[in-house]
Protein backbone atom coordinates (compact mmCIF):
# COMPACT_ATOMS: atom_id res chain seq x y z
CA MET A 1 7.34 25.56 -13.31
CA SER A 2 8.21 28.31 -15.78
CA GLU A 3 10.47 27.43 -18.63
CA LYS A 4 13.19 30.18 -18.00
CA PRO A 5 15.63 29.72 -15.07
CA ILE A 6 15.40 32.32 -12.39
CA PRO A 7 18.86 32.93 -10.82
CA ARG A 8 19.38 34.84 -7.56
CA THR A 9 22.20 35.79 -5.31
CA PHE A 10 22.00 35.14 -1.55
CA GLU A 11 24.03 36.74 1.04
CA SER A 12 23.59 37.58 4.72
CA LEU A 13 22.37 40.88 6.07
CA GLY A 14 23.18 39.97 9.70
CA PRO A 15 21.64 37.91 12.42
CA MET A 16 18.30 36.03 11.97
CA SER A 17 15.66 36.58 14.54
CA GLY A 18 11.99 35.78 15.01
CA TYR A 19 9.54 32.93 14.39
CA ALA A 20 8.01 31.23 11.32
CA ARG A 21 6.14 28.17 10.21
CA VAL A 22 7.33 25.93 7.42
CA PRO A 23 5.07 24.24 4.90
CA GLY A 24 3.16 21.11 5.82
CA ASP A 25 5.08 17.73 5.88
CA LYS A 26 5.49 16.54 2.25
CA SER A 27 5.55 12.97 3.11
CA ILE A 28 2.36 13.14 5.30
CA SER A 29 0.58 15.45 2.68
CA HIS A 30 0.95 12.81 -0.08
CA ARG A 31 -0.20 10.03 2.08
CA ALA A 32 -3.09 12.03 3.55
CA LEU A 33 -4.42 12.77 0.12
CA ILE A 34 -3.99 9.13 -1.00
CA LEU A 35 -5.68 7.55 2.03
CA SER A 36 -8.48 10.12 1.97
CA ALA A 37 -9.11 9.16 -1.74
CA MET A 38 -9.26 5.50 -0.60
CA ALA A 39 -11.89 6.21 2.09
CA VAL A 40 -15.54 6.26 1.35
CA GLY A 41 -16.86 9.68 2.29
CA GLU A 42 -15.48 13.18 2.97
CA SER A 43 -12.09 13.81 4.69
CA ARG A 44 -10.69 17.18 5.53
CA ILE A 45 -6.96 18.12 5.65
CA GLU A 46 -5.58 21.20 7.28
CA GLY A 47 -2.15 22.49 6.66
CA LEU A 48 -1.44 20.39 3.43
CA LEU A 49 1.69 21.28 1.65
CA GLU A 50 0.61 23.14 -1.51
CA SER A 51 3.83 22.46 -3.48
CA GLU A 52 4.16 21.24 -7.15
CA ASP A 53 4.89 17.60 -5.83
CA VAL A 54 1.76 17.49 -3.86
CA ILE A 55 -0.45 19.05 -6.50
CA ALA A 56 0.97 16.22 -8.84
CA THR A 57 -0.74 13.76 -6.43
CA VAL A 58 -3.88 15.87 -6.28
CA ALA A 59 -4.24 15.85 -10.10
CA ALA A 60 -3.52 12.18 -10.32
CA LEU A 61 -6.18 11.22 -7.85
CA TRP A 62 -8.65 13.52 -9.32
CA SER A 63 -8.07 11.81 -12.73
CA MET A 64 -8.85 8.48 -11.08
CA GLY A 65 -12.18 9.51 -9.72
CA SER A 66 -11.63 11.29 -6.40
CA GLN A 67 -13.28 14.65 -5.94
CA ILE A 68 -10.69 17.12 -4.32
CA GLY A 69 -11.01 20.79 -3.61
CA GLN A 70 -10.72 23.57 -0.94
CA ASP A 71 -13.16 25.06 1.51
CA SER A 72 -13.45 28.76 2.37
CA ASN A 73 -10.79 28.29 5.10
CA GLY A 74 -8.27 26.91 2.64
CA ASN A 75 -8.48 23.42 3.98
CA TRP A 76 -8.54 20.54 1.53
CA VAL A 77 -11.65 18.35 1.14
CA VAL A 78 -11.39 14.87 -0.40
CA ASN A 79 -14.37 12.80 -1.35
CA GLY A 80 -12.94 9.31 -1.69
CA VAL A 81 -13.88 6.42 -3.97
CA GLY A 82 -13.17 3.68 -1.62
CA VAL A 83 -10.52 0.83 -1.78
CA GLY A 84 -10.99 -0.86 -5.17
CA GLY A 85 -12.78 2.18 -6.65
CA LEU A 86 -10.19 3.77 -8.79
CA LEU A 87 -11.41 4.76 -12.28
CA GLN A 88 -9.30 4.32 -15.39
CA PRO A 89 -7.52 7.70 -16.06
CA GLU A 90 -8.15 9.04 -19.48
CA THR A 91 -4.69 10.62 -19.87
CA ALA A 92 -1.23 10.02 -18.50
CA LEU A 93 -0.46 10.80 -14.84
CA ASP A 94 2.08 13.59 -14.85
CA MET A 95 4.21 13.24 -11.70
CA GLY A 96 6.33 16.37 -12.46
CA ASN A 97 9.44 16.17 -10.22
CA SER A 98 7.81 14.03 -7.44
CA GLY A 99 9.39 10.64 -6.92
CA THR A 100 7.06 10.24 -3.87
CA SER A 101 3.97 10.63 -6.08
CA ALA A 102 5.20 8.19 -8.69
CA ARG A 103 6.26 5.42 -6.41
CA LEU A 104 3.29 5.63 -3.97
CA LEU A 105 0.65 5.91 -6.76
CA MET A 106 2.32 2.98 -8.71
CA GLY A 107 1.56 0.88 -5.60
CA LEU A 108 -2.04 2.14 -5.37
CA VAL A 109 -2.60 1.38 -9.11
CA ALA A 110 -0.93 -2.01 -8.90
CA SER A 111 -3.94 -3.74 -7.19
CA HIS A 112 -6.64 -2.00 -9.17
CA ALA A 113 -8.30 -3.09 -12.44
CA ILE A 114 -6.81 -0.16 -14.41
CA THR A 115 -3.86 0.77 -16.60
CA ALA A 116 -2.10 3.98 -15.92
CA THR A 117 0.79 5.68 -17.68
CA PHE A 118 3.28 7.58 -15.49
CA ILE A 119 5.31 10.54 -16.91
CA GLY A 120 7.53 13.08 -15.30
CA ASP A 121 9.86 16.01 -15.87
CA PRO A 122 13.44 15.34 -17.23
CA SER A 123 14.89 15.09 -13.58
CA LEU A 124 12.31 12.59 -12.43
CA SER A 125 12.59 10.58 -15.75
CA LYS A 126 16.17 9.87 -14.85
CA ARG A 127 15.37 8.19 -11.57
CA PRO A 128 15.05 4.38 -11.51
CA MET A 129 11.89 2.81 -10.40
CA GLY A 130 12.96 -0.81 -10.19
CA ARG A 131 13.00 -0.87 -6.55
CA VAL A 132 9.18 -0.48 -6.74
CA ILE A 133 8.52 -2.45 -9.84
CA GLU A 134 10.04 -5.55 -8.31
CA PRO A 135 7.74 -6.15 -5.36
CA LEU A 136 4.62 -4.77 -7.23
CA SER A 137 5.40 -7.36 -10.00
CA LYS A 138 5.43 -10.17 -7.37
CA MET A 139 2.00 -9.13 -6.41
CA GLY A 140 0.74 -9.49 -9.95
CA ALA A 141 1.04 -6.14 -11.62
CA SER A 142 2.78 -5.85 -14.90
CA PHE A 143 4.81 -3.02 -16.24
CA SER A 144 5.93 -1.49 -19.65
CA VAL A 145 8.86 0.60 -18.85
CA THR A 146 11.54 2.79 -20.48
CA PRO A 147 15.00 1.06 -20.44
CA GLY A 148 16.56 1.37 -17.06
CA ASP A 149 13.20 0.98 -15.27
CA ARG A 150 12.60 4.82 -15.74
CA LEU A 151 9.70 6.87 -16.74
CA PRO A 152 7.65 6.98 -18.92
CA LEU A 153 6.15 3.66 -17.85
CA MET A 154 2.77 2.00 -17.84
CA VAL A 155 1.36 0.08 -14.94
CA HIS A 156 -1.23 -2.79 -15.50
CA GLY A 157 -3.01 -3.44 -12.36
CA ARG A 158 -3.91 -6.97 -11.19
CA VAL A 159 -7.26 -7.91 -9.47
CA PRO A 160 -7.08 -9.91 -7.45
CA ALA A 161 -3.52 -9.16 -6.58
CA VAL A 162 -1.34 -11.57 -4.74
CA PRO A 163 -0.32 -11.02 -0.98
CA ILE A 164 3.46 -11.26 -0.56
CA GLU A 165 6.08 -11.24 2.23
CA TYR A 166 8.75 -8.84 1.03
CA ARG A 167 12.13 -7.95 2.73
CA LEU A 168 13.32 -4.49 1.71
CA PRO A 169 16.77 -4.91 0.17
CA VAL A 170 17.45 -1.17 0.78
CA ALA A 171 15.76 0.90 3.50
CA SER A 172 13.12 2.96 1.62
CA ALA A 173 9.86 4.38 3.11
CA GLN A 174 8.58 4.91 -0.55
CA VAL A 175 8.97 1.27 -1.42
CA LYS A 176 7.49 0.12 1.89
CA SER A 177 4.49 2.42 1.35
CA ALA A 178 3.91 1.41 -2.17
CA ILE A 179 3.62 -2.25 -1.10
CA MET A 180 1.34 -1.18 1.75
CA LEU A 181 -0.93 0.76 -0.43
CA ALA A 182 -1.08 -2.10 -3.06
CA ALA A 183 -1.98 -4.34 -0.09
CA LEU A 184 -5.22 -2.42 0.69
CA ASN A 185 -6.93 -3.94 -2.22
CA THR A 186 -5.32 -7.47 -2.05
CA PRO A 187 -6.96 -10.30 -0.35
CA GLY A 188 -5.16 -11.74 2.60
CA ILE A 189 -2.18 -10.43 4.60
CA THR A 190 0.90 -8.68 2.98
CA ARG A 191 3.96 -8.32 5.00
CA VAL A 192 6.88 -5.96 4.59
CA ILE A 193 10.14 -6.65 6.43
CA GLU A 194 12.41 -3.79 7.38
CA PRO A 195 15.99 -4.61 8.34
CA GLU A 196 16.29 -0.89 8.98
CA ARG A 197 13.65 1.18 10.24
CA THR A 198 12.36 4.10 7.93
CA ARG A 199 9.80 6.81 8.39
CA ASP A 200 6.52 5.32 9.67
CA HIS A 201 3.95 7.86 8.53
CA SER A 202 2.17 5.23 6.40
CA GLU A 203 1.72 2.81 9.27
CA ARG A 204 0.47 5.62 11.58
CA MET A 205 -1.91 7.08 9.01
CA LEU A 206 -3.36 3.69 7.82
CA ALA A 207 -4.41 2.86 11.25
CA GLY A 208 -5.95 6.21 11.79
CA PHE A 209 -8.06 5.55 8.66
CA GLY A 210 -9.26 2.24 10.07
CA ALA A 211 -6.95 -0.24 8.23
CA GLU A 212 -5.81 -3.43 9.98
CA VAL A 213 -2.00 -2.92 10.44
CA GLY A 214 0.12 -5.08 12.62
CA ILE A 215 3.69 -4.22 13.59
CA GLU A 216 6.11 -6.52 15.38
CA GLU A 217 9.82 -6.91 15.93
CA VAL A 218 11.14 -10.31 14.81
CA ASP A 219 14.87 -11.15 15.14
CA GLY A 220 15.71 -7.44 15.24
CA GLU A 221 13.70 -6.60 12.05
CA ARG A 222 10.48 -4.85 11.81
CA VAL A 223 7.57 -6.63 10.30
CA ILE A 224 4.41 -4.63 9.08
CA ALA A 225 1.46 -6.63 8.16
CA VAL A 226 -1.48 -5.20 6.26
CA THR A 227 -4.76 -7.06 5.93
CA GLY A 228 -6.20 -6.50 2.49
CA GLU A 229 -9.60 -5.67 1.13
CA ALA A 230 -9.61 -2.88 3.67
CA GLU A 231 -12.55 -0.47 4.31
CA LEU A 232 -11.12 2.89 5.17
CA ARG A 233 -13.12 5.52 7.12
CA PRO A 234 -12.90 9.22 6.29
CA HIS A 235 -10.66 11.06 8.58
CA ASN A 236 -9.81 14.79 9.31
CA MET A 237 -6.18 15.64 9.73
CA SER A 238 -3.86 18.51 10.50
CA VAL A 239 -0.55 18.20 8.69
CA PRO A 240 2.49 19.26 10.97
CA GLY A 241 5.39 21.37 9.40
CA ASP A 242 7.84 19.31 7.43
CA PRO A 243 11.06 18.70 9.39
CA SER A 244 13.06 18.37 6.11
CA SER A 245 11.88 21.87 5.20
CA ALA A 246 12.45 23.18 8.74
CA ALA A 247 16.08 21.96 8.56
CA PHE A 248 16.99 24.86 6.18
CA PRO A 249 16.09 27.91 8.31
CA LEU A 250 17.29 26.08 11.53
CA VAL A 251 20.61 25.31 9.99
CA ALA A 252 20.94 28.93 8.71
CA ALA A 253 20.35 30.23 12.24
CA LEU A 254 22.97 27.80 13.56
CA LEU A 255 25.59 29.24 11.05
CA VAL A 256 24.81 33.04 11.03
CA PRO A 257 26.29 34.75 14.15
CA GLY A 258 23.86 36.37 16.60
CA SER A 259 20.84 34.37 15.27
CA ASN A 260 17.90 33.02 17.41
CA VAL A 261 15.03 31.61 15.50
CA LEU A 262 11.89 29.61 16.35
CA ILE A 263 10.19 27.32 13.85
CA GLN A 264 6.75 26.53 14.96
CA HIS A 265 4.60 23.40 14.69
CA VAL A 266 7.32 21.02 13.22
CA GLY A 267 6.81 17.22 13.10
CA ILE A 268 9.33 15.43 15.30
CA ASN A 269 8.42 11.88 14.43
CA PRO A 270 11.44 9.83 15.68
CA THR A 271 11.92 8.32 12.17
CA ARG A 272 12.53 11.80 10.88
CA THR A 273 14.78 13.66 13.38
CA GLY A 274 18.10 12.09 12.58
CA LEU A 275 19.55 15.47 11.39
CA PHE A 276 18.44 17.22 14.61
CA GLU A 277 20.26 14.59 16.67
CA ILE A 278 23.38 14.83 14.57
CA LEU A 279 23.51 18.62 14.77
CA ARG A 280 23.18 18.39 18.63
CA GLU A 281 26.10 15.91 18.62
CA MET A 282 28.05 18.51 16.68
CA GLY A 283 27.34 21.10 19.32
CA ALA A 284 24.16 22.76 18.01
CA ASP A 285 21.99 24.78 20.38
CA LEU A 286 18.81 23.16 19.10
CA THR A 287 15.88 22.74 21.52
CA TYR A 288 12.31 21.52 21.38
CA GLU A 289 9.54 23.63 22.97
CA ASN A 290 5.92 23.02 23.47
CA GLU A 291 5.90 19.31 22.68
CA ARG A 292 2.52 17.86 21.83
CA ASP A 293 0.70 15.17 19.80
CA VAL A 294 -1.27 16.24 16.65
CA GLY A 295 -3.34 13.43 14.97
CA GLY A 296 -1.03 10.74 16.12
CA GLU A 297 2.29 12.58 15.09
CA PRO A 298 4.55 14.14 17.68
CA VAL A 299 5.03 17.89 17.06
CA ALA A 300 7.13 20.66 18.75
CA ASP A 301 8.37 24.21 18.11
CA ILE A 302 12.21 24.10 17.44
CA ARG A 303 14.45 26.85 18.45
CA ALA A 304 17.93 27.25 16.92
CA ARG A 305 20.62 29.69 18.12
CA HIS A 306 23.94 30.42 16.47
CA SER A 307 26.41 27.63 17.55
CA ALA A 308 29.98 26.70 17.06
CA LEU A 309 29.83 23.17 15.49
CA THR A 310 32.42 20.47 15.48
CA GLY A 311 32.98 17.80 12.83
CA ILE A 312 32.02 14.29 13.54
CA GLU A 313 31.72 10.89 11.88
CA VAL A 314 28.04 10.22 11.01
CA PRO A 315 27.02 6.77 11.67
CA PRO A 316 25.68 5.13 8.50
CA ASP A 317 22.74 3.41 10.15
CA ILE A 318 21.17 6.94 10.79
CA ALA A 319 20.83 7.65 7.11
CA PRO A 320 17.26 6.34 6.70
CA ARG A 321 16.18 8.81 9.39
CA MET A 322 17.70 11.86 7.55
CA ILE A 323 18.35 10.86 3.90
CA ASP A 324 16.83 14.08 2.61
CA GLU A 325 18.64 16.28 5.03
CA PHE A 326 22.18 15.31 4.11
CA PRO A 327 22.71 18.20 1.62
CA ILE A 328 22.04 20.74 4.41
CA LEU A 329 24.11 18.80 6.76
CA PHE A 330 26.97 19.16 4.35
CA VAL A 331 26.62 22.98 4.48
CA ALA A 332 26.73 22.79 8.29
CA ALA A 333 29.82 20.51 8.13
CA ALA A 334 31.49 23.19 5.83
CA LEU A 335 31.32 25.73 8.81
CA ALA A 336 32.26 23.21 11.56
CA ASP A 337 35.60 22.80 13.26
CA GLY A 338 37.51 19.70 11.95
CA GLN A 339 36.33 16.93 9.58
CA THR A 340 32.83 15.54 9.14
CA VAL A 341 32.79 11.98 7.58
CA THR A 342 29.58 10.51 5.99
CA ARG A 343 29.23 6.92 4.48
CA GLY A 344 26.50 4.63 3.33
CA LEU A 345 24.72 7.26 1.21
CA ASP A 346 24.62 5.47 -2.15
CA GLU A 347 20.87 6.39 -2.31
CA LEU A 348 21.73 10.02 -2.76
CA ARG A 349 23.13 9.42 -6.13
CA HIS A 350 19.65 8.56 -7.32
CA LYS A 351 17.46 11.47 -6.04
CA GLU A 352 16.42 14.43 -8.07
CA SER A 353 20.03 14.84 -8.85
CA ASP A 354 23.24 13.06 -7.84
CA ARG A 355 23.28 15.01 -4.58
CA LEU A 356 26.71 13.71 -3.53
CA ALA A 357 28.33 15.06 -6.76
CA ALA A 358 26.34 18.21 -6.81
CA MET A 359 27.11 19.19 -3.23
CA ALA A 360 30.85 18.13 -3.69
CA ARG A 361 31.08 20.49 -6.67
CA GLY A 362 29.38 23.39 -5.09
CA LEU A 363 31.19 23.29 -1.86
CA ALA A 364 34.54 23.05 -3.68
CA GLN A 365 33.44 26.24 -5.50
CA LEU A 366 33.09 27.77 -2.09
CA GLY A 367 36.63 26.87 -1.11
CA VAL A 368 35.55 23.89 1.16
CA PRO A 369 38.01 20.96 1.15
CA VAL A 370 35.74 18.04 0.33
CA GLU A 371 36.53 14.42 -0.70
CA GLU A 372 33.93 12.67 -2.72
CA ARG A 373 33.64 8.75 -2.36
CA PRO A 374 31.20 6.49 -4.03
CA ASP A 375 29.03 6.31 -0.79
CA GLY A 376 29.70 9.69 0.98
CA LEU A 377 31.71 12.95 1.55
CA THR A 378 34.40 13.85 3.83
CA ILE A 379 34.30 17.58 4.56
CA THR A 380 36.84 19.63 6.33
CA GLY A 381 35.09 22.68 7.89
CA SER A 382 36.15 26.33 8.26
CA GLY A 383 35.78 26.41 12.13
CA GLY A 384 33.15 29.08 11.76
CA GLU A 385 34.93 31.34 9.19
CA LYS A 386 32.81 32.52 6.33
CA LEU A 387 33.10 30.52 3.26
CA LYS A 388 35.33 31.99 0.47
CA GLY A 389 35.56 30.70 -3.14
CA ASP A 390 38.12 31.39 -5.71
CA TYR A 391 36.11 34.30 -7.10
CA ALA A 392 33.88 36.95 -5.60
CA THR A 393 30.41 35.34 -6.05
CA PRO A 394 30.26 31.53 -7.00
CA HIS A 395 27.57 30.50 -9.47
CA ILE A 396 26.03 27.21 -8.21
CA ALA A 397 24.37 24.72 -10.57
CA THR A 398 21.21 23.34 -8.74
CA GLU A 399 20.68 20.41 -11.17
CA LEU A 400 16.92 21.19 -10.93
CA ASP A 401 17.04 19.85 -7.23
CA HIS A 402 15.11 21.71 -4.72
CA ARG A 403 17.31 20.55 -1.79
CA ILE A 404 20.55 21.55 -3.65
CA ALA A 405 19.13 24.93 -4.33
CA MET A 406 18.12 25.56 -0.69
CA SER A 407 21.19 24.15 0.73
CA PHE A 408 23.37 26.57 -1.25
CA THR A 409 21.11 29.44 -0.36
CA VAL A 410 21.86 28.74 3.22
CA ALA A 411 25.62 28.56 2.28
CA GLY A 412 25.28 32.00 0.77
CA LEU A 413 24.22 33.29 4.12
CA ALA A 414 27.43 31.88 5.57
CA SER A 415 29.77 33.10 2.81
CA ALA A 416 32.01 36.20 2.46
CA HIS A 417 30.64 37.34 -0.81
CA GLY A 418 27.32 35.59 -1.34
CA VAL A 419 26.38 32.73 -3.54
CA THR A 420 24.41 32.86 -6.82
CA ILE A 421 21.94 29.92 -7.43
CA ASP A 422 21.55 29.32 -11.02
CA ASP A 423 17.69 28.65 -10.60
CA ILE A 424 15.42 29.25 -7.62
CA ARG A 425 12.32 27.63 -9.38
CA PRO A 426 12.98 24.07 -8.07
CA MET A 427 12.35 25.26 -4.53
CA ALA A 428 8.66 25.29 -5.52
CA THR A 429 8.82 21.41 -5.39
CA SER A 430 8.71 21.42 -1.64
CA PHE A 431 9.10 24.98 -0.06
CA PRO A 432 7.87 27.75 -2.41
CA SER A 433 7.96 30.30 0.42
CA PHE A 434 11.64 29.73 1.37
CA PRO A 435 13.24 32.85 0.17
CA PRO A 436 10.31 35.16 1.55
CA MET A 437 10.70 33.41 4.99
CA LEU A 438 14.40 34.13 5.07
CA GLU A 439 13.67 37.83 4.21
CA ASP A 440 11.10 37.89 7.11
CA LEU A 441 13.72 36.52 9.47
CA GLY A 442 16.24 39.21 8.37
CA ALA A 443 18.58 36.90 6.62
CA ILE A 444 19.10 37.71 3.01
CA GLY A 445 19.92 40.28 0.43
CA ARG A 446 20.07 40.83 -3.28
């Protein structure tokens, strides 16, 4: 990311129309790279998200011995080192802004005979890592950390690591996945218990690479068992479009009058579609077309047409299935008729920014009545009227957070005078092509 902020003003040029593809799923891209690096032999990955977050994972795996590059068609080719084969990195692993890279790779390193230092940018360095450190410590890894369990930190892997049974205190796919990755090189069976189901890409993909993964329901909880000292087979994959990224152009189409947009090849894994279900409950004309299965993941083309939305109370138990999409839901709620109430979102205060506070401040600048509580927001929508702040073009602080930046870009399309984002650089974290896509769909000016 360049050092100088790049501000930009976004406003609507009229209806959005046409079709587009969003970048590959970020969660699947990280996991595809990591598991390919743990297989013995060559794996190919089509449609990998080439964002700063994912490239941080590429660089870290390369520094630990895996050979990674691209073929003439732009597909990524990974020659893995095998489970247990990670090499000692010569320099610190720079995670940039990627919490996923940091937490998953901490799990991977924890059961290997290496020591790795993890560093990150100022935003990532504020994010606590204690949720991952606790279970990995129980498996035998040791940590040297910055106060508050933050980066920079050092992981001292343990071989052999100790299999554990661990109940997640908070629903987190990253923590679950970190434990499962540590389990690959741990003798015996490691079990993770989920009181609330989270995204299941790791379970699906581990099975695809040949790991022994058992899943059962026990007393209403989901128990995932991973048999260690695994031997992973190389695997060729096609990464579907990221539903978290697709959310932004889809919500824009719902909010801009006259719009009709088709986003192609989007993953619709049931653990990731909470936002789409909530939007439909609010009255969104949002439909799946051409549903199919790609490499074990359900995929569809998703069509969104301009819709009159109605505010609702969002059930807290859906949060694990849409935790990254709440910022853009808040923008949709700002245009809905009536109140939208959200609760149980404490985790949003520990993302790239305090997303509850950042969204509340920005929406208030746009004249939206918003009540901020410790665990959620209550938003009173405009009933479809364009958003109007106290001055002509509000300037929004993105807090170096890609989802805040993109959410207020969409708000600009639904505003009377446009919205100025203080810095569009964070979009490169997950969706570097977002502004050009909106231009191609006829959405934005300035």
